[in-house]
Amino acid sequence: MAQGHQPDIIFLSLTLSKARRMESIRVSLNYDACLAINVEGRSG
């Protein structure tokens, strides 16, 4: 979806993904910045 529509902002919530994975997604989508908070156990 993001690649087809090219939105300015993408908000992902409750993914249980680590910041490193979010950074990888940011790079693959060619975005300039990313703010990610690592999960703690099963809560974000």
PDB file of N, CA and C in Angstrom:
ATOM      1  N   MET A   1       0.812  -1.183   0.000  1.00  0.00           N
ATOM      2  CA  MET A   1       0.000   0.000   0.000  1.00  0.00           C
ATOM      3  C   MET A   1       0.863   1.257   0.000  1.00  0.00           C
ATOM      4  N   ALA A   2       1.869   1.311   0.866  1.00  0.00           N
ATOM      5  CA  ALA A   2       2.703   2.509   0.982  1.00  0.00           C
ATOM      6  C   ALA A   2       3.442   2.809  -0.310  1.00  0.00           C
ATOM      7  N   GLN A   3       3.920   1.796  -0.992  1.00  0.00           N
ATOM      8  CA  GLN A   3       4.678   2.031  -2.213  1.00  0.00           C
ATOM      9  C   GLN A   3       3.781   2.512  -3.347  1.00  0.00           C
ATOM     10  N   GLY A   4       2.547   2.045  -3.398  1.00  0.00           N
ATOM     11  CA  GLY A   4       1.632   2.442  -4.461  1.00  0.00           C
ATOM     12  C   GLY A   4       1.088   3.846  -4.289  1.00  0.00           C
ATOM     13  N   HIS A   5       0.815   4.256  -3.049  1.00  0.00           N
ATOM     14  CA  HIS A   5       0.192   5.555  -2.781  1.00  0.00           C
ATOM     15  C   HIS A   5       1.186   6.626  -2.361  1.00  0.00           C
ATOM     16  N   GLN A   6       2.349   6.270  -1.905  1.00  0.00           N
ATOM     17  CA  GLN A   6       3.408   7.175  -1.458  1.00  0.00           C
ATOM     18  C   GLN A   6       2.927   8.219  -0.442  1.00  0.00           C
ATOM     19  N   PRO A   7       2.368   7.782   0.704  1.00  0.00           N
ATOM     20  CA  PRO A   7       1.936   8.740   1.727  1.00  0.00           C
ATOM     21  C   PRO A   7       3.130   9.414   2.392  1.00  0.00           C
ATOM     22  N   ASP A   8       2.903  10.591   2.972  1.00  0.00           N
ATOM     23  CA  ASP A   8       3.962  11.314   3.676  1.00  0.00           C
ATOM     24  C   ASP A   8       4.282  10.672   5.022  1.00  0.00           C
ATOM     25  N   ILE A   9       3.274  10.076   5.660  1.00  0.00           N
ATOM     26  CA  ILE A   9       3.435   9.481   6.988  1.00  0.00           C
ATOM     27  C   ILE A   9       2.790   8.101   7.005  1.00  0.00           C
ATOM     28  N   ILE A  10       3.468   7.156   7.664  1.00  0.00           N
ATOM     29  CA  ILE A  10       2.893   5.835   7.918  1.00  0.00           C
ATOM     30  C   ILE A  10       2.946   5.612   9.418  1.00  0.00           C
ATOM     31  N   PHE A  11       1.816   5.246  10.016  1.00  0.00           N
ATOM     32  CA  PHE A  11       1.737   4.996  11.456  1.00  0.00           C
ATOM     33  C   PHE A  11       1.432   3.522  11.669  1.00  0.00           C
ATOM     34  N   LEU A  12       2.355   2.808  12.300  1.00  0.00           N
ATOM     35  CA  LEU A  12       2.157   1.397  12.622  1.00  0.00           C
ATOM     36  C   LEU A  12       2.025   1.283  14.129  1.00  0.00           C
ATOM     37  N   SER A  13       0.950   0.700  14.595  1.00  0.00           N
ATOM     38  CA  SER A  13       0.688   0.597  16.025  1.00  0.00           C
ATOM     39  C   SER A  13       0.499  -0.858  16.427  1.00  0.00           C
ATOM     40  N   LEU A  14       1.006  -1.200  17.611  1.00  0.00           N
ATOM     41  CA  LEU A  14       0.835  -2.541  18.172  1.00  0.00           C
ATOM     42  C   LEU A  14       1.381  -3.634  17.261  1.00  0.00           C
ATOM     43  N   THR A  15       2.562  -3.420  16.714  1.00  0.00           N
ATOM     44  CA  THR A  15       3.145  -4.410  15.811  1.00  0.00           C
ATOM     45  C   THR A  15       3.949  -5.475  16.539  1.00  0.00           C
ATOM     46  N   LEU A  16       4.373  -5.218  17.778  1.00  0.00           N
ATOM     47  CA  LEU A  16       5.261  -6.098  18.547  1.00  0.00           C
ATOM     48  C   LEU A  16       6.577  -6.350  17.815  1.00  0.00           C
ATOM     49  N   SER A  17       6.935  -5.452  16.910  1.00  0.00           N
ATOM     50  CA  SER A  17       8.208  -5.550  16.199  1.00  0.00           C
ATOM     51  C   SER A  17       9.260  -4.717  16.911  1.00  0.00           C
ATOM     52  N   LYS A  18      10.502  -5.105  16.765  1.00  0.00           N
ATOM     53  CA  LYS A  18      11.600  -4.360  17.380  1.00  0.00           C
ATOM     54  C   LYS A  18      11.964  -3.158  16.512  1.00  0.00           C
ATOM     55  N   ALA A  19      12.630  -2.183  17.134  1.00  0.00           N
ATOM     56  CA  ALA A  19      13.021  -0.962  16.434  1.00  0.00           C
ATOM     57  C   ALA A  19      13.888  -1.278  15.221  1.00  0.00           C
ATOM     58  N   ARG A  20      14.732  -2.286  15.324  1.00  0.00           N
ATOM     59  CA  ARG A  20      15.597  -2.657  14.200  1.00  0.00           C
ATOM     60  C   ARG A  20      14.761  -3.072  12.984  1.00  0.00           C
ATOM     61  N   ARG A  21      13.675  -3.806  13.211  1.00  0.00           N
ATOM     62  CA  ARG A  21      12.790  -4.230  12.115  1.00  0.00           C
ATOM     63  C   ARG A  21      12.073  -3.026  11.510  1.00  0.00           C
ATOM     64  N   MET A  22      11.642  -2.092  12.348  1.00  0.00           N
ATOM     65  CA  MET A  22      10.980  -0.885  11.849  1.00  0.00           C
ATOM     66  C   MET A  22      11.949  -0.051  11.006  1.00  0.00           C
ATOM     67  N   GLU A  23      13.202   0.008  11.429  1.00  0.00           N
ATOM     68  CA  GLU A  23      14.219   0.729  10.657  1.00  0.00           C
ATOM     69  C   GLU A  23      14.416   0.065   9.302  1.00  0.00           C
ATOM     70  N   SER A  24      14.392  -1.240   9.256  1.00  0.00           N
ATOM     71  CA  SER A  24      14.521  -1.973   8.001  1.00  0.00           C
ATOM     72  C   SER A  24      13.354  -1.655   7.062  1.00  0.00           C
ATOM     73  N   ILE A  25      12.159  -1.585   7.618  1.00  0.00           N
ATOM     74  CA  ILE A  25      10.983  -1.234   6.814  1.00  0.00           C
ATOM     75  C   ILE A  25      11.117   0.191   6.292  1.00  0.00           C
ATOM     76  N   ARG A  26      11.589   1.108   7.149  1.00  0.00           N
ATOM     77  CA  ARG A  26      11.787   2.501   6.723  1.00  0.00           C
ATOM     78  C   ARG A  26      12.722   2.583   5.531  1.00  0.00           C
ATOM     79  N   VAL A  27      13.827   1.852   5.594  1.00  0.00           N
ATOM     80  CA  VAL A  27      14.803   1.868   4.504  1.00  0.00           C
ATOM     81  C   VAL A  27      14.189   1.288   3.230  1.00  0.00           C
ATOM     82  N   SER A  28      13.464   0.180   3.359  1.00  0.00           N
ATOM     83  CA  SER A  28      12.884  -0.454   2.174  1.00  0.00           C
ATOM     84  C   SER A  28      11.829   0.426   1.511  1.00  0.00           C
ATOM     85  N   LEU A  29      11.157   1.288   2.295  1.00  0.00           N
ATOM     86  CA  LEU A  29      10.159   2.198   1.740  1.00  0.00           C
ATOM     87  C   LEU A  29      10.755   3.544   1.332  1.00  0.00           C
ATOM     88  N   ASN A  30      12.065   3.712   1.549  1.00  0.00           N
ATOM     89  CA  ASN A  30      12.787   4.924   1.159  1.00  0.00           C
ATOM     90  C   ASN A  30      12.288   6.171   1.908  1.00  0.00           C
ATOM     91  N   TYR A  31      12.010   6.024   3.207  1.00  0.00           N
ATOM     92  CA  TYR A  31      11.628   7.154   4.047  1.00  0.00           C
ATOM     93  C   TYR A  31      12.872   7.723   4.715  1.00  0.00           C
ATOM     94  N   ASP A  32      12.822   9.017   5.069  1.00  0.00           N
ATOM     95  CA  ASP A  32      13.972   9.693   5.662  1.00  0.00           C
ATOM     96  C   ASP A  32      14.134   9.430   7.152  1.00  0.00           C
ATOM     97  N   ALA A  33      13.037   9.222   7.874  1.00  0.00           N
ATOM     98  CA  ALA A  33      13.119   9.102   9.327  1.00  0.00           C
ATOM     99  C   ALA A  33      12.133   8.068   9.852  1.00  0.00           C
ATOM    100  N   CYS A  34      12.422   7.636  11.088  1.00  0.00           N
ATOM    101  CA  CYS A  34      11.578   6.631  11.731  1.00  0.00           C
ATOM    102  C   CYS A  34      11.679   6.806  13.240  1.00  0.00           C
ATOM    103  N   LEU A  35      10.561   6.715  13.939  1.00  0.00           N
ATOM    104  CA  LEU A  35      10.555   6.703  15.395  1.00  0.00           C
ATOM    105  C   LEU A  35       9.950   5.377  15.818  1.00  0.00           C
ATOM    106  N   ALA A  36      10.732   4.560  16.494  1.00  0.00           N
ATOM    107  CA  ALA A  36      10.257   3.243  16.927  1.00  0.00           C
ATOM    108  C   ALA A  36      10.566   3.053  18.403  1.00  0.00           C
ATOM    109  N   ILE A  37       9.642   2.442  19.099  1.00  0.00           N
ATOM    110  CA  ILE A  37       9.803   2.124  20.513  1.00  0.00           C
ATOM    111  C   ILE A  37       9.838   0.605  20.630  1.00  0.00           C
ATOM    112  N   ASN A  38      10.926   0.055  21.189  1.00  0.00           N
ATOM    113  CA  ASN A  38      11.026  -1.394  21.359  1.00  0.00           C
ATOM    114  C   ASN A  38       9.949  -1.900  22.307  1.00  0.00           C
ATOM    115  N   VAL A  39       9.478  -3.105  22.051  1.00  0.00           N
ATOM    116  CA  VAL A  39       8.488  -3.728  22.924  1.00  0.00           C
ATOM    117  C   VAL A  39       9.144  -4.176  24.224  1.00  0.00           C
ATOM    118  N   GLU A  40       8.344  -4.260  25.269  1.00  0.00           N
ATOM    119  CA  GLU A  40       8.792  -4.800  26.553  1.00  0.00           C
ATOM    120  C   GLU A  40       7.889  -5.984  26.863  1.00  0.00           C
ATOM    121  N   GLY A  41       8.407  -7.184  26.684  1.00  0.00           N
ATOM    122  CA  GLY A  41       7.580  -8.372  26.854  1.00  0.00           C
ATOM    123  C   GLY A  41       6.532  -8.427  25.762  1.00  0.00           C
ATOM    124  N   ARG A  42       5.262  -8.524  26.155  1.00  0.00           N
ATOM    125  CA  ARG A  42       4.187  -8.548  25.174  1.00  0.00           C
ATOM    126  C   ARG A  42       3.427  -7.228  25.136  1.00  0.00           C
ATOM    127  N   SER A  43       3.985  -6.194  25.756  1.00  0.00           N
ATOM    128  CA  SER A  43       3.341  -4.883  25.712  1.00  0.00           C
ATOM    129  C   SER A  43       4.272  -3.892  25.042  1.00  0.00           C
ATOM    130  N   GLY A  44       3.723  -2.871  24.425  1.00  0.00           N
ATOM    131  CA  GLY A  44       4.538  -1.875  23.748  1.00  0.00           C
ATOM    132  C   GLY A  44       4.665  -0.686  24.593  1.00  0.00           C
TER     133      GLY A  44
END
